[in-house]
Amino acid sequence: MTEERQEGMGGGRVAAEELRLLIERAERLEEEKRALGDDLKDVMAEAKGRGYDAKAIRRIMQIRKKKREEYQEEEAILETYMQALGML
């Protein structure tokens, strides 16, 4: 067996260098994801400090990701259910 290729757990061949590079790339992305999460947390703290409701901002962000029709359909179903339960 060479250093470059070793038998994997499934019995197949693994290119060690390629695998190492993929793992390192994934680790860097995880690190970036953590940093972005911290940045987002800071933005939400700033919004809260300025008197905005962070939950409302997060909800608006979710809505903005959807197509208008999709959002309207979800809201119509929600309203129907709430009326059926006597909540409106």
Protein backbone atom coordinates (compact mmCIF):
# COMPACT_ATOMS: atom_id res chain seq x y z
CA MET A 1 0.00 0.00 0.00
CA THR A 2 1.24 3.44 -0.82
CA GLU A 3 0.85 6.59 1.24
CA GLU A 4 -1.40 8.15 -1.40
CA ARG A 5 -3.94 5.35 -1.55
CA GLN A 6 -5.02 3.26 1.35
CA GLU A 7 -7.89 0.86 1.71
CA GLY A 8 -10.91 2.54 3.26
CA MET A 9 -13.34 1.11 5.77
CA GLY A 10 -15.67 0.03 2.94
CA GLY A 11 -12.85 -1.88 1.25
CA GLY A 12 -12.49 0.71 -1.53
CA ARG A 13 -9.48 2.86 -2.32
CA VAL A 14 -9.20 6.35 -0.87
CA ALA A 15 -7.01 9.12 -2.25
CA ALA A 16 -5.56 10.38 1.03
CA GLU A 17 -4.50 13.80 -0.28
CA GLU A 18 -7.87 14.47 -1.89
CA LEU A 19 -9.68 13.40 1.26
CA ARG A 20 -7.47 15.60 3.44
CA LEU A 21 -8.15 18.62 1.20
CA LEU A 22 -11.90 18.04 1.30
CA ILE A 23 -11.87 17.78 5.08
CA GLU A 24 -9.78 20.93 5.44
CA ARG A 25 -12.16 22.79 3.12
CA ALA A 26 -15.15 21.64 5.15
CA GLU A 27 -13.41 22.72 8.36
CA ARG A 28 -12.76 26.20 6.94
CA LEU A 29 -16.39 26.50 5.91
CA GLU A 30 -17.53 25.47 9.40
CA GLU A 31 -15.27 28.17 10.84
CA GLU A 32 -16.71 30.77 8.45
CA LYS A 33 -20.23 29.63 9.34
CA ARG A 34 -19.51 30.18 13.05
CA ALA A 35 -18.11 33.64 12.30
CA LEU A 36 -21.19 34.54 10.24
CA GLY A 37 -23.41 33.30 13.05
CA ASP A 38 -21.59 35.57 15.46
CA ASP A 39 -21.98 38.49 13.04
CA LEU A 40 -25.70 37.83 12.73
CA LYS A 41 -26.01 37.66 16.51
CA ASP A 42 -24.29 41.06 16.71
CA VAL A 43 -26.71 42.56 14.17
CA MET A 44 -29.69 41.24 16.12
CA ALA A 45 -28.26 42.62 19.36
CA GLU A 46 -27.79 46.00 17.67
CA ALA A 47 -31.38 45.92 16.39
CA LYS A 48 -32.64 45.06 19.86
CA GLY A 49 -30.53 47.86 21.34
CA ARG A 50 -32.21 50.28 18.93
CA GLY A 51 -35.65 49.12 20.06
CA TYR A 52 -36.50 46.64 17.30
CA ASP A 53 -37.95 43.19 17.98
CA ALA A 54 -35.43 40.54 16.90
CA LYS A 55 -38.13 37.85 16.53
CA ALA A 56 -40.06 40.08 14.14
CA ILE A 57 -36.91 40.75 12.12
CA ARG A 58 -36.17 37.02 11.87
CA ARG A 59 -39.77 36.37 10.79
CA ILE A 60 -39.53 39.06 8.10
CA MET A 61 -36.30 37.48 6.87
CA GLN A 62 -38.10 34.11 6.56
CA ILE A 63 -40.98 35.71 4.67
CA ARG A 64 -38.66 37.54 2.27
CA LYS A 65 -37.10 34.20 1.24
CA LYS A 66 -40.48 32.97 -0.03
CA LYS A 67 -42.37 33.74 -3.20
CA ARG A 68 -45.28 36.12 -2.66
CA GLU A 69 -47.83 33.46 -3.67
CA GLU A 70 -46.33 30.90 -1.31
CA TYR A 71 -46.46 33.34 1.60
CA GLN A 72 -50.03 34.41 0.81
CA GLU A 73 -51.18 30.80 0.64
CA GLU A 74 -49.56 30.01 4.01
CA GLU A 75 -51.16 33.08 5.59
CA ALA A 76 -54.60 32.17 4.16
CA ILE A 77 -54.36 28.64 5.58
CA LEU A 78 -53.21 29.98 8.93
CA GLU A 79 -56.10 32.44 9.04
CA THR A 80 -58.58 29.68 8.15
CA TYR A 81 -57.28 27.48 10.95
CA MET A 82 -57.28 30.32 13.48
CA GLN A 83 -60.88 31.20 12.58
CA ALA A 84 -61.88 27.55 12.99
CA LEU A 85 -60.34 27.60 16.48
CA GLY A 86 -62.05 30.87 17.40
CA MET A 87 -58.75 32.71 17.66
CA LEU A 88 -59.79 35.55 15.30
